[in-house]
Each structure stands twice: as structure tokens, then as C-alpha cells.
Amino acid sequence: MKTLLRYKDLVEQGIVNNRMTLKRMIDERKFPAPIRFGRSIAWEADLIANWAASLRNSNNGVAA
């Protein structure tokens, strides 16, 4: 069974800090789309880990 992350989990892990930014990132396809369960949404933990890794890799060698 796949591990799912809810919005609260994303905030606790420091991935996002507010819902509007998250929605914008999803709309712009800069963040994985959620899985919907009725009115609830969640993300596959593996997809989020891969997204974070690709973000880190794309920033290698670039001054922040």
C-alpha cells in the first residue's frame, strides 16, 4: 500500500506553507497533482519525494 500525505503533512515537512501557494503550484504543474477522495485530497509520498529530489538536482550549482 502506498503512503499518502495530507496537506498537514506537507506543512509539517516544510514542503509548503500555505494552501494558495500549493494550489498555484499545482495549477502551474510545478507540483504533483493530488489524489482526490471525495472532498479530501492527498499526495503519494513517493511522488513528493521524487519531486523534492528533482528540485534539489535542478538547483545544484546555482546560487540561492
C-alpha atoms as a PDB file:
ATOM      1  CA  MET A   1       0.000   0.000   0.000  1.00  0.00           C
ATOM      2  CA  LYS A   2       1.279   3.450  -0.889  1.00  0.00           C
ATOM      3  CA  THR A   3       1.882   6.054   1.784  1.00  0.00           C
ATOM      4  CA  LEU A   4      -0.270   9.138   1.348  1.00  0.00           C
ATOM      5  CA  LEU A   5       0.470  12.633   2.607  1.00  0.00           C
ATOM      6  CA  ARG A   6      -2.233  15.115   3.506  1.00  0.00           C
ATOM      7  CA  TYR A   7      -1.824  18.911   3.374  1.00  0.00           C
ATOM      8  CA  LYS A   8      -0.967  18.936   7.089  1.00  0.00           C
ATOM      9  CA  ASP A   9       1.898  16.501   6.413  1.00  0.00           C
ATOM     10  CA  LEU A  10       3.274  18.715   3.642  1.00  0.00           C
ATOM     11  CA  VAL A  11       3.280  21.694   6.020  1.00  0.00           C
ATOM     12  CA  GLU A  12       4.923  19.706   8.841  1.00  0.00           C
ATOM     13  CA  GLN A  13       7.673  18.563   6.463  1.00  0.00           C
ATOM     14  CA  GLY A  14       8.285  22.140   5.299  1.00  0.00           C
ATOM     15  CA  ILE A  15       7.268  21.391   1.713  1.00  0.00           C
ATOM     16  CA  VAL A  16       4.570  24.072   1.514  1.00  0.00           C
ATOM     17  CA  ASN A  17       3.476  26.845   3.840  1.00  0.00           C
ATOM     18  CA  ASN A  18       0.010  27.820   2.615  1.00  0.00           C
ATOM     19  CA  ARG A  19      -2.845  26.461   0.531  1.00  0.00           C
ATOM     20  CA  MET A  20      -2.891  29.260  -2.046  1.00  0.00           C
ATOM     21  CA  THR A  21       0.763  28.707  -2.961  1.00  0.00           C
ATOM     22  CA  LEU A  22       0.134  24.970  -3.178  1.00  0.00           C
ATOM     23  CA  LYS A  23      -2.893  25.483  -5.439  1.00  0.00           C
ATOM     24  CA  ARG A  24      -0.935  27.839  -7.694  1.00  0.00           C
ATOM     25  CA  MET A  25       1.956  25.370  -7.955  1.00  0.00           C
ATOM     26  CA  ILE A  26      -0.455  22.554  -8.865  1.00  0.00           C
ATOM     27  CA  ASP A  27      -2.241  24.744 -11.430  1.00  0.00           C
ATOM     28  CA  GLU A  28       1.126  25.677 -12.990  1.00  0.00           C
ATOM     29  CA  ARG A  29       2.162  21.995 -12.972  1.00  0.00           C
ATOM     30  CA  LYS A  30       5.092  22.783 -10.672  1.00  0.00           C
ATOM     31  CA  PHE A  31       3.840  20.345  -8.016  1.00  0.00           C
ATOM     32  CA  PRO A  32       2.356  16.842  -8.355  1.00  0.00           C
ATOM     33  CA  ALA A  33      -1.414  16.712  -8.687  1.00  0.00           C
ATOM     34  CA  PRO A  34      -3.270  15.333  -5.672  1.00  0.00           C
ATOM     35  CA  ILE A  35      -5.338  12.189  -5.446  1.00  0.00           C
ATOM     36  CA  ARG A  36      -8.938  13.022  -4.598  1.00  0.00           C
ATOM     37  CA  PHE A  37     -11.092  11.078  -2.140  1.00  0.00           C
ATOM     38  CA  GLY A  38     -14.438  12.819  -2.214  1.00  0.00           C
ATOM     39  CA  ARG A  39     -13.692  16.227  -0.706  1.00  0.00           C
ATOM     40  CA  SER A  40     -10.314  15.152   0.671  1.00  0.00           C
ATOM     41  CA  ILE A  41      -7.003  15.267  -1.164  1.00  0.00           C
ATOM     42  CA  ALA A  42      -3.653  13.589  -0.603  1.00  0.00           C
ATOM     43  CA  TRP A  43      -0.373  13.007  -2.402  1.00  0.00           C
ATOM     44  CA  GLU A  44       1.660   9.845  -2.841  1.00  0.00           C
ATOM     45  CA  ALA A  45       4.737  10.140  -0.623  1.00  0.00           C
ATOM     46  CA  ASP A  46       6.960   8.675  -3.366  1.00  0.00           C
ATOM     47  CA  LEU A  47       5.837  11.317  -5.878  1.00  0.00           C
ATOM     48  CA  ILE A  48       6.559  14.101  -3.390  1.00  0.00           C
ATOM     49  CA  ALA A  49       9.995  12.638  -2.593  1.00  0.00           C
ATOM     50  CA  ASN A  50      10.817  12.439  -6.322  1.00  0.00           C
ATOM     51  CA  TRP A  51       9.564  15.999  -6.858  1.00  0.00           C
ATOM     52  CA  ALA A  52      11.749  17.276  -3.985  1.00  0.00           C
ATOM     53  CA  ALA A  53      14.783  15.379  -5.304  1.00  0.00           C
ATOM     54  CA  SER A  54      14.334  16.788  -8.805  1.00  0.00           C
ATOM     55  CA  LEU A  55      14.007  20.268  -7.339  1.00  0.00           C
ATOM     56  CA  ARG A  56      17.263  19.823  -5.399  1.00  0.00           C
ATOM     57  CA  ASN A  57      19.009  18.458  -8.503  1.00  0.00           C
ATOM     58  CA  SER A  58      17.850  21.362 -10.657  1.00  0.00           C
ATOM     59  CA  ASN A  59      19.279  23.811  -8.107  1.00  0.00           C
ATOM     60  CA  ASN A  60      22.743  22.209  -7.939  1.00  0.00           C
ATOM     61  CA  GLY A  61      25.409  24.727  -8.805  1.00  0.00           C
ATOM     62  CA  VAL A  62      23.019  27.672  -8.754  1.00  0.00           C
ATOM     63  CA  ALA A  63      23.443  30.354  -6.114  1.00  0.00           C
ATOM     64  CA  ALA A  64      20.365  30.793  -3.980  1.00  0.00           C
END
